[in-house]
Amino acid sequence: MNCYKKSRKIFKERIKENKNISKIEWDKFAQENCLFSANTLMFHVDAKSFEDLKEKLS
């Protein structure tokens, strides 16, 4: 599994657990677990903001 798919999958799981997760919380979690940051995920799905990213991936 590549890093993008792993990050995307775990991001979706985290959103299901906590719909109010912030960009800072995700970035900290991502750094601790060697996942892509919010900015990288936003770039890949062409999201304009973190809230837009959460909508597109949930």
N, C-alpha and C. Protein backbone atom coordinates (compact mmCIF):
# COMPACT_ATOMS: atom_id res chain seq x y z
N MET A 1 0.86 -1.17 0.00
CA MET A 1 0.00 0.00 0.00
C MET A 1 0.90 1.23 0.00
N ASN A 2 0.60 2.18 -0.86
CA ASN A 2 1.45 3.37 -0.87
C ASN A 2 1.04 4.35 0.22
N CYS A 3 1.90 5.31 0.49
CA CYS A 3 1.70 6.25 1.61
C CYS A 3 0.45 7.10 1.42
N TYR A 4 0.15 7.49 0.20
CA TYR A 4 -1.04 8.31 -0.04
C TYR A 4 -2.31 7.54 0.32
N LYS A 5 -2.43 6.32 -0.18
CA LYS A 5 -3.63 5.53 0.10
C LYS A 5 -3.76 5.23 1.59
N LYS A 6 -2.65 4.95 2.24
CA LYS A 6 -2.68 4.68 3.68
C LYS A 6 -3.13 5.93 4.44
N SER A 7 -2.57 7.09 4.07
CA SER A 7 -2.93 8.35 4.73
C SER A 7 -4.40 8.68 4.51
N ARG A 8 -4.86 8.49 3.30
CA ARG A 8 -6.26 8.78 2.97
C ARG A 8 -7.20 7.87 3.77
N LYS A 9 -6.87 6.59 3.84
CA LYS A 9 -7.70 5.63 4.57
C LYS A 9 -7.78 6.00 6.06
N ILE A 10 -6.64 6.29 6.64
CA ILE A 10 -6.62 6.62 8.07
C ILE A 10 -7.29 7.96 8.32
N PHE A 11 -7.14 8.91 7.40
CA PHE A 11 -7.82 10.20 7.53
C PHE A 11 -9.33 10.00 7.56
N LYS A 12 -9.84 9.17 6.69
CA LYS A 12 -11.28 8.89 6.66
C LYS A 12 -11.74 8.27 7.99
N GLU A 13 -10.93 7.35 8.52
CA GLU A 13 -11.27 6.72 9.79
C GLU A 13 -11.29 7.74 10.93
N ARG A 14 -10.31 8.65 10.93
CA ARG A 14 -10.25 9.67 11.97
C ARG A 14 -11.43 10.63 11.89
N ILE A 15 -11.88 10.93 10.68
CA ILE A 15 -13.05 11.81 10.51
C ILE A 15 -14.29 11.13 11.06
N LYS A 16 -14.43 9.83 10.84
CA LYS A 16 -15.58 9.11 11.38
C LYS A 16 -15.57 9.13 12.91
N GLU A 17 -14.38 9.04 13.50
CA GLU A 17 -14.26 9.06 14.96
C GLU A 17 -14.52 10.45 15.52
N ASN A 18 -14.03 11.47 14.81
CA ASN A 18 -14.11 12.84 15.31
C ASN A 18 -14.35 13.79 14.14
N LYS A 19 -15.58 14.15 13.89
CA LYS A 19 -15.91 15.02 12.76
C LYS A 19 -15.38 16.44 12.93
N ASN A 20 -15.01 16.81 14.16
CA ASN A 20 -14.51 18.15 14.44
C ASN A 20 -12.99 18.22 14.51
N ILE A 21 -12.30 17.23 13.98
CA ILE A 21 -10.85 17.24 14.02
C ILE A 21 -10.32 18.49 13.29
N SER A 22 -9.28 19.06 13.85
CA SER A 22 -8.71 20.26 13.24
C SER A 22 -7.50 19.89 12.39
N LYS A 23 -7.11 20.82 11.56
CA LYS A 23 -5.94 20.61 10.71
C LYS A 23 -4.70 20.38 11.58
N ILE A 24 -4.58 21.12 12.65
CA ILE A 24 -3.42 20.99 13.54
C ILE A 24 -3.39 19.61 14.19
N GLU A 25 -4.56 19.13 14.62
CA GLU A 25 -4.63 17.79 15.23
C GLU A 25 -4.23 16.73 14.21
N TRP A 26 -4.74 16.85 12.99
CA TRP A 26 -4.40 15.86 11.96
C TRP A 26 -2.92 15.91 11.65
N ASP A 27 -2.36 17.09 11.47
CA ASP A 27 -0.94 17.20 11.13
C ASP A 27 -0.05 16.61 12.21
N LYS A 28 -0.42 16.82 13.47
CA LYS A 28 0.36 16.24 14.57
C LYS A 28 0.27 14.71 14.54
N PHE A 29 -0.95 14.19 14.37
CA PHE A 29 -1.15 12.75 14.28
C PHE A 29 -0.40 12.18 13.07
N ALA A 30 -0.48 12.85 11.94
CA ALA A 30 0.17 12.39 10.72
C ALA A 30 1.69 12.35 10.90
N GLN A 31 2.24 13.37 11.51
CA GLN A 31 3.69 13.40 11.72
C GLN A 31 4.13 12.26 12.64
N GLU A 32 3.37 12.01 13.68
CA GLU A 32 3.72 10.94 14.63
C GLU A 32 3.60 9.56 14.00
N ASN A 33 2.76 9.42 12.96
CA ASN A 33 2.52 8.11 12.35
C ASN A 33 3.00 8.00 10.91
N CYS A 34 3.87 8.91 10.49
CA CYS A 34 4.47 8.89 9.15
C CYS A 34 3.42 8.88 8.04
N LEU A 35 2.43 9.77 8.16
CA LEU A 35 1.37 9.90 7.16
C LEU A 35 1.49 11.25 6.48
N PHE A 36 0.73 11.44 5.41
CA PHE A 36 0.75 12.71 4.70
C PHE A 36 0.04 13.79 5.50
N SER A 37 0.54 14.99 5.41
CA SER A 37 -0.07 16.13 6.10
C SER A 37 -1.38 16.53 5.43
N ALA A 38 -2.11 17.40 6.10
CA ALA A 38 -3.37 17.90 5.55
C ALA A 38 -3.13 18.62 4.23
N ASN A 39 -2.07 19.41 4.14
CA ASN A 39 -1.80 20.14 2.90
C ASN A 39 -1.56 19.20 1.73
N THR A 40 -0.84 18.12 1.96
CA THR A 40 -0.58 17.15 0.89
C THR A 40 -1.87 16.46 0.46
N LEU A 41 -2.69 16.06 1.42
CA LEU A 41 -3.97 15.44 1.08
C LEU A 41 -4.87 16.42 0.33
N MET A 42 -4.87 17.69 0.76
CA MET A 42 -5.69 18.71 0.09
C MET A 42 -5.25 18.88 -1.36
N PHE A 43 -3.95 18.86 -1.59
CA PHE A 43 -3.43 18.98 -2.95
C PHE A 43 -3.89 17.80 -3.82
N HIS A 44 -3.84 16.60 -3.28
CA HIS A 44 -4.18 15.41 -4.06
C HIS A 44 -5.67 15.35 -4.44
N VAL A 45 -6.54 15.86 -3.59
CA VAL A 45 -7.98 15.80 -3.90
C VAL A 45 -8.51 17.15 -4.39
N ASP A 46 -7.61 18.09 -4.61
CA ASP A 46 -7.96 19.42 -5.11
C ASP A 46 -8.98 20.12 -4.20
N ALA A 47 -8.69 20.09 -2.91
CA ALA A 47 -9.54 20.77 -1.93
C ALA A 47 -8.98 22.16 -1.66
N LYS A 48 -9.87 23.10 -1.44
CA LYS A 48 -9.46 24.49 -1.23
C LYS A 48 -9.21 24.81 0.25
N SER A 49 -9.72 23.99 1.15
CA SER A 49 -9.53 24.19 2.58
C SER A 49 -9.60 22.84 3.28
N PHE A 50 -9.26 22.85 4.55
CA PHE A 50 -9.32 21.61 5.33
C PHE A 50 -10.76 21.12 5.46
N GLU A 51 -11.68 22.05 5.62
CA GLU A 51 -13.11 21.67 5.70
C GLU A 51 -13.57 21.05 4.39
N ASP A 52 -13.10 21.58 3.28
CA ASP A 52 -13.43 21.03 1.97
C ASP A 52 -12.85 19.61 1.85
N LEU A 53 -11.65 19.42 2.35
CA LEU A 53 -11.02 18.10 2.34
C LEU A 53 -11.86 17.09 3.13
N LYS A 54 -12.31 17.50 4.32
CA LYS A 54 -13.13 16.60 5.13
C LYS A 54 -14.41 16.23 4.41
N GLU A 55 -15.02 17.19 3.72
CA GLU A 55 -16.26 16.89 2.97
C GLU A 55 -16.00 15.93 1.83
N LYS A 56 -14.91 16.14 1.10
CA LYS A 56 -14.62 15.31 -0.07
C LYS A 56 -14.24 13.89 0.31
N LEU A 57 -13.60 13.70 1.46
CA LEU A 57 -13.14 12.37 1.84
C LEU A 57 -14.07 11.65 2.81
N SER A 58 -15.09 12.30 3.28
CA SER A 58 -16.00 11.59 4.20
C SER A 58 -17.22 11.06 3.48
